[in-house]
C-alpha cells in the first residue's frame, strides 16, 4: 500500500496554517484528533472482543503472549505488556517482545530496523503453536512486523493485527484484525498522536478483557494483584476485606498465611480451613474466585 493510500499519511486540510494559530486553537485541534481516535476504538469493539477470546484461550492452554512491532507501535505494546504481571499476576516468562532493532530501539531511534523483514522472521521463530502474538503497526505495512506475523502464524500461533489503515498487508497476515480507523493526523504522519492513542486504548481494552476472562478480576477488583510495595499491600488488604466482608486486620492476617496472594486469602477469610484447602478450591475452579467462593459456600 503506497503512502498516499494510507489514511494515517494523508494531509488533513483542517490543519492548514496550524503553525499560525493561537495555543487554544492548536490544542482544540489536538483534542479533536484524540476524540476521533477513541471513536475508532469504539467502532472496533467487536474485533477487540473476538481477539480477547482467542488470546484468553491460548493463555488458558499454557501459551505465551507476544507483542511485535517497530517504533512507537512496539513502545506502546511494551507499555501494555509490562504492566500485566503487577496488575493481573501474569507470569513474567509468559510475555515476550519482538522489537525491531531490539531493546535499544525502545530508547534510540533506529528507524531502518523496521524494514528488516529477515530479522522479523527470525525473531518470530520463538513462537510456538498455542501462543498468541499481537502485531502492531499504524501503517499496517511495516516489513519487520509483517514478517513476524507471517512466521508466527506459520508456526501455529494465533496472530492479532492492530492497525490504523484498512486493507493492510499486516491484517492479511493475521488471524484477527483490529482495525482502528483513526484517520489522518493533525500533524501529517505523526502517528504517535491519534493512531498512538487508539492503539494504547485498544491494547488496554484487549489485555484487560483477556484477564477478566482468565479470572483476574472480581467486581472490578484486581484479585491477582502482586503486592510488591506498601501501596499494593494496602490495596490487596482492602480487596480481601471487601470481598470476604472481614476487617482489614483479619484480611492482613489471611494475606500473611497466603504470602500475599489475594484469592486464597479471600477464601481463608470466607471460611476455607487452610491455604492448601483454599488453593485446592481455586484449582477445582480453574482460578475463578467467584466459582471457588460458591463451592466453599456449598460445603458449609
C-alpha atoms as a PDB file:
ATOM      1  CA  UNK A   1       0.000   0.000   0.000  1.00  0.00           C
ATOM      2  CA  UNK A   2       1.518   3.317  -1.091  1.00  0.00           C
ATOM      3  CA  UNK A   3       1.867   6.105   1.426  1.00  0.00           C
ATOM      4  CA  UNK A   4      -0.712   8.154  -0.483  1.00  0.00           C
ATOM      5  CA  UNK A   5      -3.287   5.390   0.073  1.00  0.00           C
ATOM      6  CA  UNK A   6      -2.718   5.232   3.835  1.00  0.00           C
ATOM      7  CA  UNK A   7      -5.136   7.396   5.777  1.00  0.00           C
ATOM      8  CA  UNK A   8      -2.565   7.898   8.526  1.00  0.00           C
ATOM      9  CA  UNK A   9      -0.217   9.513   5.985  1.00  0.00           C
ATOM     10  CA  UNK A  10      -2.801  11.762   4.337  1.00  0.00           C
ATOM     11  CA  UNK A  11      -2.798  15.504   4.845  1.00  0.00           C
ATOM     12  CA  UNK A  12      -5.625  16.909   6.978  1.00  0.00           C
ATOM     13  CA  UNK A  13      -6.874  20.088   5.262  1.00  0.00           C
ATOM     14  CA  UNK A  14      -8.195  21.434   8.561  1.00  0.00           C
ATOM     15  CA  UNK A  15      -4.589  21.699   9.791  1.00  0.00           C
ATOM     16  CA  UNK A  16      -3.604  24.269   7.179  1.00  0.00           C
ATOM     17  CA  UNK A  17      -1.963  27.205   8.932  1.00  0.00           C
ATOM     18  CA  UNK A  18      -1.838  25.462  12.298  1.00  0.00           C
ATOM     19  CA  UNK A  19       1.575  26.991  13.000  1.00  0.00           C
ATOM     20  CA  UNK A  20      -0.056  30.452  12.891  1.00  0.00           C
ATOM     21  CA  UNK A  21      -2.894  29.616  15.319  1.00  0.00           C
ATOM     22  CA  UNK A  22      -3.023  30.541  18.978  1.00  0.00           C
ATOM     23  CA  UNK A  23      -2.422  27.878  21.598  1.00  0.00           C
ATOM     24  CA  UNK A  24      -6.093  27.348  22.402  1.00  0.00           C
ATOM     25  CA  UNK A  25      -6.897  26.673  18.740  1.00  0.00           C
ATOM     26  CA  UNK A  26      -3.989  24.252  18.329  1.00  0.00           C
ATOM     27  CA  UNK A  27      -4.858  22.319  21.480  1.00  0.00           C
ATOM     28  CA  UNK A  28      -8.530  22.178  20.481  1.00  0.00           C
ATOM     29  CA  UNK A  29      -7.476  20.571  17.213  1.00  0.00           C
ATOM     30  CA  UNK A  30      -5.384  18.042  19.152  1.00  0.00           C
ATOM     31  CA  UNK A  31      -8.388  17.214  21.330  1.00  0.00           C
ATOM     32  CA  UNK A  32     -10.465  16.643  18.207  1.00  0.00           C
ATOM     33  CA  UNK A  33      -7.849  14.219  16.925  1.00  0.00           C
ATOM     34  CA  UNK A  34      -7.910  12.320  20.202  1.00  0.00           C
ATOM     35  CA  UNK A  35     -11.703  12.129  20.119  1.00  0.00           C
ATOM     36  CA  UNK A  36     -11.539  10.617  16.625  1.00  0.00           C
ATOM     37  CA  UNK A  37      -9.010   8.107  17.916  1.00  0.00           C
ATOM     38  CA  UNK A  38     -11.302   6.941  20.731  1.00  0.00           C
ATOM     39  CA  UNK A  39     -14.246   6.785  18.317  1.00  0.00           C
ATOM     40  CA  UNK A  40     -12.150   4.418  16.188  1.00  0.00           C
ATOM     41  CA  UNK A  41     -11.595   2.181  19.219  1.00  0.00           C
ATOM     42  CA  UNK A  42     -15.326   2.164  19.950  1.00  0.00           C
ATOM     43  CA  UNK A  43     -16.014   1.048  16.382  1.00  0.00           C
ATOM     44  CA  UNK A  44     -13.516  -1.808  16.831  1.00  0.00           C
ATOM     45  CA  UNK A  45     -15.152  -3.262  19.974  1.00  0.00           C
ATOM     46  CA  UNK A  46     -16.419  -6.429  18.188  1.00  0.00           C
ATOM     47  CA  UNK A  47     -12.923  -7.125  16.872  1.00  0.00           C
ATOM     48  CA  UNK A  48     -11.358  -6.494  20.279  1.00  0.00           C
ATOM     49  CA  UNK A  49     -13.821  -8.954  21.838  1.00  0.00           C
ATOM     50  CA  UNK A  50     -13.016 -11.614  19.239  1.00  0.00           C
ATOM     51  CA  UNK A  51      -9.279 -11.161  19.767  1.00  0.00           C
ATOM     52  CA  UNK A  52      -9.604 -11.255  23.562  1.00  0.00           C
ATOM     53  CA  UNK A  53     -11.430 -14.570  23.464  1.00  0.00           C
ATOM     54  CA  UNK A  54      -8.793 -16.067  21.181  1.00  0.00           C
ATOM     55  CA  UNK A  55      -5.876 -14.806  23.293  1.00  0.00           C
ATOM     56  CA  UNK A  56      -7.513 -15.914  26.552  1.00  0.00           C
ATOM     57  CA  UNK A  57      -7.923 -19.416  25.117  1.00  0.00           C
ATOM     58  CA  UNK A  58      -4.222 -19.501  24.219  1.00  0.00           C
ATOM     59  CA  UNK A  59      -3.111 -18.353  27.671  1.00  0.00           C
ATOM     60  CA  UNK A  60      -5.519 -20.704  29.453  1.00  0.00           C
ATOM     61  CA  UNK A  61      -3.963 -23.532  27.463  1.00  0.00           C
ATOM     62  CA  UNK A  62      -0.449 -22.642  28.646  1.00  0.00           C
ATOM     63  CA  UNK A  63       0.583 -20.462  25.709  1.00  0.00           C
ATOM     64  CA  UNK A  64       2.615 -17.261  25.855  1.00  0.00           C
ATOM     65  CA  UNK A  65       1.739 -13.731  24.763  1.00  0.00           C
ATOM     66  CA  UNK A  66       3.990 -11.938  22.260  1.00  0.00           C
ATOM     67  CA  UNK A  67       3.909  -8.287  21.189  1.00  0.00           C
ATOM     68  CA  UNK A  68       5.603  -7.424  17.889  1.00  0.00           C
ATOM     69  CA  UNK A  69       6.285  -4.144  16.156  1.00  0.00           C
ATOM     70  CA  UNK A  70       8.575  -1.192  15.494  1.00  0.00           C
ATOM     71  CA  UNK A  71       8.932   2.374  16.705  1.00  0.00           C
ATOM     72  CA  UNK A  72       6.000   3.953  18.528  1.00  0.00           C
ATOM     73  CA  UNK A  73       3.790   0.909  17.991  1.00  0.00           C
ATOM     74  CA  UNK A  74       6.020  -1.536  19.867  1.00  0.00           C
ATOM     75  CA  UNK A  75       6.747   1.023  22.586  1.00  0.00           C
ATOM     76  CA  UNK A  76       3.001   1.142  23.223  1.00  0.00           C
ATOM     77  CA  UNK A  77       2.909  -2.664  23.108  1.00  0.00           C
ATOM     78  CA  UNK A  78       5.703  -2.985  25.660  1.00  0.00           C
ATOM     79  CA  UNK A  79       3.961  -0.489  27.934  1.00  0.00           C
ATOM     80  CA  UNK A  80       0.819  -2.621  27.815  1.00  0.00           C
ATOM     81  CA  UNK A  81       2.534  -5.964  28.348  1.00  0.00           C
ATOM     82  CA  UNK A  82       4.928  -4.800  31.049  1.00  0.00           C
ATOM     83  CA  UNK A  83       2.013  -3.825  33.298  1.00  0.00           C
ATOM     84  CA  UNK A  84       0.269  -7.222  33.163  1.00  0.00           C
ATOM     85  CA  UNK A  85       2.343  -9.042  35.836  1.00  0.00           C
ATOM     86  CA  UNK A  86       1.804  -6.449  38.577  1.00  0.00           C
ATOM     87  CA  UNK A  87      -1.816  -5.764  37.647  1.00  0.00           C
ATOM     88  CA  UNK A  88      -3.071  -9.242  36.817  1.00  0.00           C
ATOM     89  CA  UNK A  89      -0.408 -11.571  38.190  1.00  0.00           C
ATOM     90  CA  UNK A  90       0.656 -12.767  34.745  1.00  0.00           C
ATOM     91  CA  UNK A  91       3.950 -14.653  34.914  1.00  0.00           C
ATOM     92  CA  UNK A  92       6.845 -12.621  33.512  1.00  0.00           C
ATOM     93  CA  UNK A  93       8.064 -15.578  31.461  1.00  0.00           C
ATOM     94  CA  UNK A  94       4.706 -15.761  29.677  1.00  0.00           C
ATOM     95  CA  UNK A  95       5.274 -12.398  27.946  1.00  0.00           C
ATOM     96  CA  UNK A  96       7.738 -11.831  25.098  1.00  0.00           C
ATOM     97  CA  UNK A  97       8.501  -8.831  22.906  1.00  0.00           C
ATOM     98  CA  UNK A  98       9.648  -8.862  19.275  1.00  0.00           C
ATOM     99  CA  UNK A  99      11.141  -5.384  18.865  1.00  0.00           C
ATOM    100  CA  UNK A 100      12.532  -4.126  15.565  1.00  0.00           C
ATOM    101  CA  UNK A 101      16.070  -3.094  16.443  1.00  0.00           C
ATOM    102  CA  UNK A 102      15.991  -4.910  19.794  1.00  0.00           C
ATOM    103  CA  UNK A 103      15.647  -3.363  23.235  1.00  0.00           C
ATOM    104  CA  UNK A 104      17.900  -0.436  22.293  1.00  0.00           C
ATOM    105  CA  UNK A 105      15.142   0.727  19.927  1.00  0.00           C
ATOM    106  CA  UNK A 106      12.909   1.401  22.919  1.00  0.00           C
ATOM    107  CA  UNK A 107      15.076   4.435  23.660  1.00  0.00           C
ATOM    108  CA  UNK A 108      17.017   5.173  20.470  1.00  0.00           C
ATOM    109  CA  UNK A 109      15.639   5.981  17.024  1.00  0.00           C
ATOM    110  CA  UNK A 110      16.647   3.009  14.876  1.00  0.00           C
ATOM    111  CA  UNK A 111      14.333   3.844  12.007  1.00  0.00           C
ATOM    112  CA  UNK A 112      15.763   1.406   9.454  1.00  0.00           C
ATOM    113  CA  UNK A 113      15.179  -1.574  11.759  1.00  0.00           C
ATOM    114  CA  UNK A 114      11.511  -1.627  10.806  1.00  0.00           C
ATOM    115  CA  UNK A 115      12.487  -2.542   7.221  1.00  0.00           C
ATOM    116  CA  UNK A 116      14.321  -5.718   8.303  1.00  0.00           C
ATOM    117  CA  UNK A 117      11.916  -8.494   7.340  1.00  0.00           C
ATOM    118  CA  UNK A 118      14.625 -11.121   7.785  1.00  0.00           C
ATOM    119  CA  UNK A 119      15.031 -10.158  11.446  1.00  0.00           C
ATOM    120  CA  UNK A 120      11.260 -10.138  11.925  1.00  0.00           C
ATOM    121  CA  UNK A 121      11.115 -13.669  10.598  1.00  0.00           C
ATOM    122  CA  UNK A 122      13.995 -14.762  12.847  1.00  0.00           C
ATOM    123  CA  UNK A 123      12.553 -13.132  15.954  1.00  0.00           C
ATOM    124  CA  UNK A 124       9.216 -14.878  15.477  1.00  0.00           C
ATOM    125  CA  UNK A 125      10.915 -18.285  15.442  1.00  0.00           C
ATOM    126  CA  UNK A 126      10.455 -18.199  19.245  1.00  0.00           C
ATOM    127  CA  UNK A 127       6.698 -18.615  18.748  1.00  0.00           C
ATOM    128  CA  UNK A 128       5.022 -21.998  19.046  1.00  0.00           C
ATOM    129  CA  UNK A 129       1.595 -23.479  18.446  1.00  0.00           C
ATOM    130  CA  UNK A 130      -0.723 -22.308  21.209  1.00  0.00           C
ATOM    131  CA  UNK A 131       0.991 -18.941  21.643  1.00  0.00           C
ATOM    132  CA  UNK A 132      -0.649 -15.605  20.780  1.00  0.00           C
ATOM    133  CA  UNK A 133       1.067 -12.708  19.014  1.00  0.00           C
ATOM    134  CA  UNK A 134      -0.221  -9.129  18.863  1.00  0.00           C
ATOM    135  CA  UNK A 135       1.375  -7.413  15.861  1.00  0.00           C
ATOM    136  CA  UNK A 136       1.055  -3.619  15.968  1.00  0.00           C
ATOM    137  CA  UNK A 137       1.650  -1.150  13.125  1.00  0.00           C
ATOM    138  CA  UNK A 138      -0.244   2.038  12.402  1.00  0.00           C
ATOM    139  CA  UNK A 139       0.563   1.778   8.695  1.00  0.00           C
ATOM    140  CA  UNK A 140      -0.067  -1.953   8.535  1.00  0.00           C
ATOM    141  CA  UNK A 141       2.866  -2.154   6.139  1.00  0.00           C
ATOM    142  CA  UNK A 142       5.947  -2.430   8.373  1.00  0.00           C
ATOM    143  CA  UNK A 143       8.158  -5.194   6.867  1.00  0.00           C
ATOM    144  CA  UNK A 144       9.575  -6.384  10.226  1.00  0.00           C
ATOM    145  CA  UNK A 145       6.123  -6.702  11.766  1.00  0.00           C
ATOM    146  CA  UNK A 146       4.532  -8.376   8.736  1.00  0.00           C
ATOM    147  CA  UNK A 147       7.338 -10.938   8.595  1.00  0.00           C
ATOM    148  CA  UNK A 148       6.990 -11.656  12.309  1.00  0.00           C
ATOM    149  CA  UNK A 149       3.232 -12.097  11.962  1.00  0.00           C
ATOM    150  CA  UNK A 150       3.538 -14.441   8.993  1.00  0.00           C
ATOM    151  CA  UNK A 151       6.194 -16.562  10.659  1.00  0.00           C
ATOM    152  CA  UNK A 152       4.324 -16.780  13.960  1.00  0.00           C
ATOM    153  CA  UNK A 153       1.154 -17.838  12.173  1.00  0.00           C
ATOM    154  CA  UNK A 154       3.042 -20.455  10.158  1.00  0.00           C
ATOM    155  CA  UNK A 155       4.348 -21.862  13.458  1.00  0.00           C
ATOM    156  CA  UNK A 156       0.799 -22.232  14.783  1.00  0.00           C
ATOM    157  CA  UNK A 157       0.475 -19.101  16.923  1.00  0.00           C
ATOM    158  CA  UNK A 158      -2.746 -17.074  16.898  1.00  0.00           C
ATOM    159  CA  UNK A 159      -1.933 -13.686  15.372  1.00  0.00           C
ATOM    160  CA  UNK A 160      -3.853 -10.477  16.072  1.00  0.00           C
ATOM    161  CA  UNK A 161      -3.068  -7.416  13.940  1.00  0.00           C
ATOM    162  CA  UNK A 162      -3.639  -3.951  15.408  1.00  0.00           C
ATOM    163  CA  UNK A 163      -3.598  -1.485  12.509  1.00  0.00           C
ATOM    164  CA  UNK A 164      -4.833   2.010  11.698  1.00  0.00           C
ATOM    165  CA  UNK A 165      -5.292   1.614   7.944  1.00  0.00           C
ATOM    166  CA  UNK A 166      -7.754  -0.659   6.136  1.00  0.00           C
ATOM    167  CA  UNK A 167      -6.763  -3.386   3.665  1.00  0.00           C
ATOM    168  CA  UNK A 168      -3.239  -3.711   5.043  1.00  0.00           C
ATOM    169  CA  UNK A 169      -0.647  -6.421   4.455  1.00  0.00           C
ATOM    170  CA  UNK A 170      -0.327  -6.909   8.204  1.00  0.00           C
ATOM    171  CA  UNK A 171      -4.053  -7.590   8.565  1.00  0.00           C
ATOM    172  CA  UNK A 172      -3.817 -10.096   5.727  1.00  0.00           C
ATOM    173  CA  UNK A 173      -1.049 -11.918   7.602  1.00  0.00           C
ATOM    174  CA  UNK A 174      -3.116 -12.218  10.801  1.00  0.00           C
ATOM    175  CA  UNK A 175      -5.926 -14.419  12.044  1.00  0.00           C
ATOM    176  CA  UNK A 176      -7.816 -11.479  13.539  1.00  0.00           C
ATOM    177  CA  UNK A 177      -7.655  -7.803  12.566  1.00  0.00           C
ATOM    178  CA  UNK A 178      -8.364  -4.950  14.979  1.00  0.00           C
ATOM    179  CA  UNK A 179      -8.798  -2.004  12.640  1.00  0.00           C
ATOM    180  CA  UNK A 180      -8.530   1.365  14.381  1.00  0.00           C
ATOM    181  CA  UNK A 181      -9.565   3.726  11.598  1.00  0.00           C
ATOM    182  CA  UNK A 182      -8.338   6.889  13.303  1.00  0.00           C
ATOM    183  CA  UNK A 183      -7.768   8.714  10.005  1.00  0.00           C
ATOM    184  CA  UNK A 184      -5.256  11.452   9.131  1.00  0.00           C
ATOM    185  CA  UNK A 185      -3.212  13.066  11.870  1.00  0.00           C
ATOM    186  CA  UNK A 186      -3.323  16.723  12.904  1.00  0.00           C
ATOM    187  CA  UNK A 187       0.432  16.720  12.192  1.00  0.00           C
ATOM    188  CA  UNK A 188       0.638  14.686   8.997  1.00  0.00           C
ATOM    189  CA  UNK A 189       2.085  11.225   9.608  1.00  0.00           C
ATOM    190  CA  UNK A 190       2.696  11.762  13.326  1.00  0.00           C
ATOM    191  CA  UNK A 191       1.069   8.502  14.359  1.00  0.00           C
ATOM    192  CA  UNK A 192       2.285   8.937  17.939  1.00  0.00           C
ATOM    193  CA  UNK A 193      -0.778  11.153  18.273  1.00  0.00           C
ATOM    194  CA  UNK A 194      -4.196   9.903  17.093  1.00  0.00           C
ATOM    195  CA  UNK A 195      -3.134   6.455  15.941  1.00  0.00           C
ATOM    196  CA  UNK A 196      -0.988   6.006  19.040  1.00  0.00           C
ATOM    197  CA  UNK A 197      -3.863   6.916  21.343  1.00  0.00           C
ATOM    198  CA  UNK A 198      -6.130   4.461  19.543  1.00  0.00           C
ATOM    199  CA  UNK A 199      -3.507   1.715  19.868  1.00  0.00           C
ATOM    200  CA  UNK A 200      -2.954   2.424  23.557  1.00  0.00           C
ATOM    201  CA  UNK A 201      -6.667   2.337  24.351  1.00  0.00           C
ATOM    202  CA  UNK A 202      -7.325  -0.754  22.234  1.00  0.00           C
ATOM    203  CA  UNK A 203      -4.459  -2.687  23.837  1.00  0.00           C
ATOM    204  CA  UNK A 204      -5.658  -1.620  27.305  1.00  0.00           C
ATOM    205  CA  UNK A 205      -9.127  -2.914  26.492  1.00  0.00           C
ATOM    206  CA  UNK A 206      -7.815  -6.088  24.879  1.00  0.00           C
ATOM    207  CA  UNK A 207      -5.419  -7.186  27.612  1.00  0.00           C
ATOM    208  CA  UNK A 208      -7.852  -6.256  30.384  1.00  0.00           C
ATOM    209  CA  UNK A 209     -10.702  -8.203  28.791  1.00  0.00           C
ATOM    210  CA  UNK A 210      -8.351 -11.168  28.370  1.00  0.00           C
ATOM    211  CA  UNK A 211      -7.575 -11.140  32.086  1.00  0.00           C
ATOM    212  CA  UNK A 212     -11.209 -10.717  33.097  1.00  0.00           C
ATOM    213  CA  UNK A 213     -11.849 -13.904  31.126  1.00  0.00           C
ATOM    214  CA  UNK A 214      -8.913 -15.576  32.893  1.00  0.00           C
ATOM    215  CA  UNK A 215     -10.373 -14.771  36.322  1.00  0.00           C
ATOM    216  CA  UNK A 216      -8.041 -11.939  37.327  1.00  0.00           C
ATOM    217  CA  UNK A 217     -10.880  -9.517  38.094  1.00  0.00           C
ATOM    218  CA  UNK A 218     -13.729  -9.769  40.635  1.00  0.00           C
ATOM    219  CA  UNK A 219     -16.319  -6.973  40.937  1.00  0.00           C
ATOM    220  CA  UNK A 220     -13.884  -4.553  39.329  1.00  0.00           C
ATOM    221  CA  UNK A 221     -11.029  -5.513  41.657  1.00  0.00           C
ATOM    222  CA  UNK A 222      -7.708  -6.993  40.530  1.00  0.00           C
ATOM    223  CA  UNK A 223      -7.638 -10.192  42.557  1.00  0.00           C
ATOM    224  CA  UNK A 224      -4.330 -11.349  41.052  1.00  0.00           C
ATOM    225  CA  UNK A 225      -2.524  -8.142  42.062  1.00  0.00           C
ATOM    226  CA  UNK A 226       1.083  -8.687  43.122  1.00  0.00           C
ATOM    227  CA  UNK A 227       1.543  -6.844  46.418  1.00  0.00           C
ATOM    228  CA  UNK A 228       5.120  -5.723  45.830  1.00  0.00           C
ATOM    229  CA  UNK A 229       5.055  -2.405  47.671  1.00  0.00           C
ATOM    230  CA  UNK A 230       3.217  -0.671  50.509  1.00  0.00           C
ATOM    231  CA  UNK A 231       0.532   0.783  48.235  1.00  0.00           C
ATOM    232  CA  UNK A 232      -0.206  -2.588  46.646  1.00  0.00           C
ATOM    233  CA  UNK A 233      -0.166  -4.368  50.008  1.00  0.00           C
ATOM    234  CA  UNK A 234      -2.786  -1.927  51.243  1.00  0.00           C
ATOM    235  CA  UNK A 235      -4.794  -2.454  48.068  1.00  0.00           C
ATOM    236  CA  UNK A 236      -4.612  -6.239  48.467  1.00  0.00           C
ATOM    237  CA  UNK A 237      -5.797  -5.966  52.071  1.00  0.00           C
ATOM    238  CA  UNK A 238      -8.689  -3.771  51.036  1.00  0.00           C
ATOM    239  CA  UNK A 239      -9.708  -6.216  48.323  1.00  0.00           C
ATOM    240  CA  UNK A 240      -9.707  -9.181  50.702  1.00  0.00           C
ATOM    241  CA  UNK A 241     -11.651  -7.249  53.337  1.00  0.00           C
ATOM    242  CA  UNK A 242     -14.234  -6.033  50.836  1.00  0.00           C
ATOM    243  CA  UNK A 243     -14.913  -9.365  49.149  1.00  0.00           C
ATOM    244  CA  UNK A 244     -14.852 -11.533  52.268  1.00  0.00           C
ATOM    245  CA  UNK A 245     -16.590  -8.983  54.500  1.00  0.00           C
ATOM    246  CA  UNK A 246     -13.899  -9.030  57.194  1.00  0.00           C
ATOM    247  CA  UNK A 247     -11.838  -6.373  58.955  1.00  0.00           C
ATOM    248  CA  UNK A 248      -8.619  -5.127  57.382  1.00  0.00           C
ATOM    249  CA  UNK A 249      -6.752  -6.668  60.316  1.00  0.00           C
ATOM    250  CA  UNK A 250      -8.205 -10.104  59.545  1.00  0.00           C
ATOM    251  CA  UNK A 251      -7.557  -9.570  55.852  1.00  0.00           C
ATOM    252  CA  UNK A 252      -3.897  -8.766  56.581  1.00  0.00           C
ATOM    253  CA  UNK A 253      -3.592 -11.933  58.680  1.00  0.00           C
ATOM    254  CA  UNK A 254      -5.031 -14.023  55.845  1.00  0.00           C
ATOM    255  CA  UNK A 255      -2.610 -12.444  53.387  1.00  0.00           C
ATOM    256  CA  UNK A 256       0.264 -13.379  55.694  1.00  0.00           C
ATOM    257  CA  UNK A 257      -0.862 -17.014  55.501  1.00  0.00           C
ATOM    258  CA  UNK A 258      -1.039 -16.916  51.697  1.00  0.00           C
ATOM    259  CA  UNK A 259       2.201 -14.964  51.215  1.00  0.00           C
ATOM    260  CA  UNK A 260       0.339 -12.038  49.734  1.00  0.00           C
ATOM    261  CA  UNK A 261      -1.913 -13.922  47.315  1.00  0.00           C
ATOM    262  CA  UNK A 262      -5.348 -12.317  47.281  1.00  0.00           C
ATOM    263  CA  UNK A 263      -7.590 -15.144  46.040  1.00  0.00           C
ATOM    264  CA  UNK A 264      -6.647 -17.766  48.652  1.00  0.00           C
ATOM    265  CA  UNK A 265      -6.683 -15.041  51.315  1.00  0.00           C
ATOM    266  CA  UNK A 266     -10.276 -14.238  50.373  1.00  0.00           C
ATOM    267  CA  UNK A 267     -11.188 -17.930  50.643  1.00  0.00           C
ATOM    268  CA  UNK A 268      -9.491 -18.282  54.053  1.00  0.00           C
ATOM    269  CA  UNK A 269     -11.308 -15.180  55.269  1.00  0.00           C
ATOM    270  CA  UNK A 270     -14.544 -16.703  53.966  1.00  0.00           C
ATOM    271  CA  UNK A 271     -14.002 -19.960  55.862  1.00  0.00           C
ATOM    272  CA  UNK A 272     -11.538 -22.168  53.997  1.00  0.00           C
ATOM    273  CA  UNK A 273      -9.681 -24.347  56.512  1.00  0.00           C
ATOM    274  CA  UNK A 274      -6.136 -23.634  55.324  1.00  0.00           C
ATOM    275  CA  UNK A 275      -4.060 -22.190  52.498  1.00  0.00           C
ATOM    276  CA  UNK A 276      -3.884 -25.671  50.960  1.00  0.00           C
ATOM    277  CA  UNK A 277      -7.665 -26.009  51.101  1.00  0.00           C
ATOM    278  CA  UNK A 278      -8.027 -22.574  49.501  1.00  0.00           C
ATOM    279  CA  UNK A 279      -5.599 -23.479  46.715  1.00  0.00           C
ATOM    280  CA  UNK A 280      -7.484 -26.728  46.092  1.00  0.00           C
ATOM    281  CA  UNK A 281     -10.726 -24.809  45.704  1.00  0.00           C
ATOM    282  CA  UNK A 282      -9.061 -22.481  43.210  1.00  0.00           C
ATOM    283  CA  UNK A 283      -7.615 -25.431  41.317  1.00  0.00           C
ATOM    284  CA  UNK A 284     -11.032 -27.032  41.044  1.00  0.00           C
ATOM    285  CA  UNK A 285     -12.474 -23.712  39.912  1.00  0.00           C
ATOM    286  CA  UNK A 286      -9.707 -23.055  37.336  1.00  0.00           C
ATOM    287  CA  UNK A 287      -8.678 -19.912  39.200  1.00  0.00           C
ATOM    288  CA  UNK A 288     -12.160 -18.377  39.177  1.00  0.00           C
ATOM    289  CA  UNK A 289     -12.655 -16.795  42.598  1.00  0.00           C
ATOM    290  CA  UNK A 290     -16.413 -16.361  42.233  1.00  0.00           C
ATOM    291  CA  UNK A 291     -16.827 -20.055  41.463  1.00  0.00           C
ATOM    292  CA  UNK A 292     -14.457 -21.019  44.295  1.00  0.00           C
ATOM    293  CA  UNK A 293     -16.477 -18.954  46.773  1.00  0.00           C
ATOM    294  CA  UNK A 294     -19.646 -20.623  45.552  1.00  0.00           C
ATOM    295  CA  UNK A 295     -18.099 -24.061  46.042  1.00  0.00           C
ATOM    296  CA  UNK A 296     -16.933 -23.072  49.519  1.00  0.00           C
ATOM    297  CA  UNK A 297     -20.392 -21.822  50.483  1.00  0.00           C
ATOM    298  CA  UNK A 298     -21.937 -25.096  49.314  1.00  0.00           C
ATOM    299  CA  UNK A 299     -19.769 -27.091  51.739  1.00  0.00           C
ATOM    300  CA  UNK A 300     -20.665 -25.035  54.809  1.00  0.00           C
END
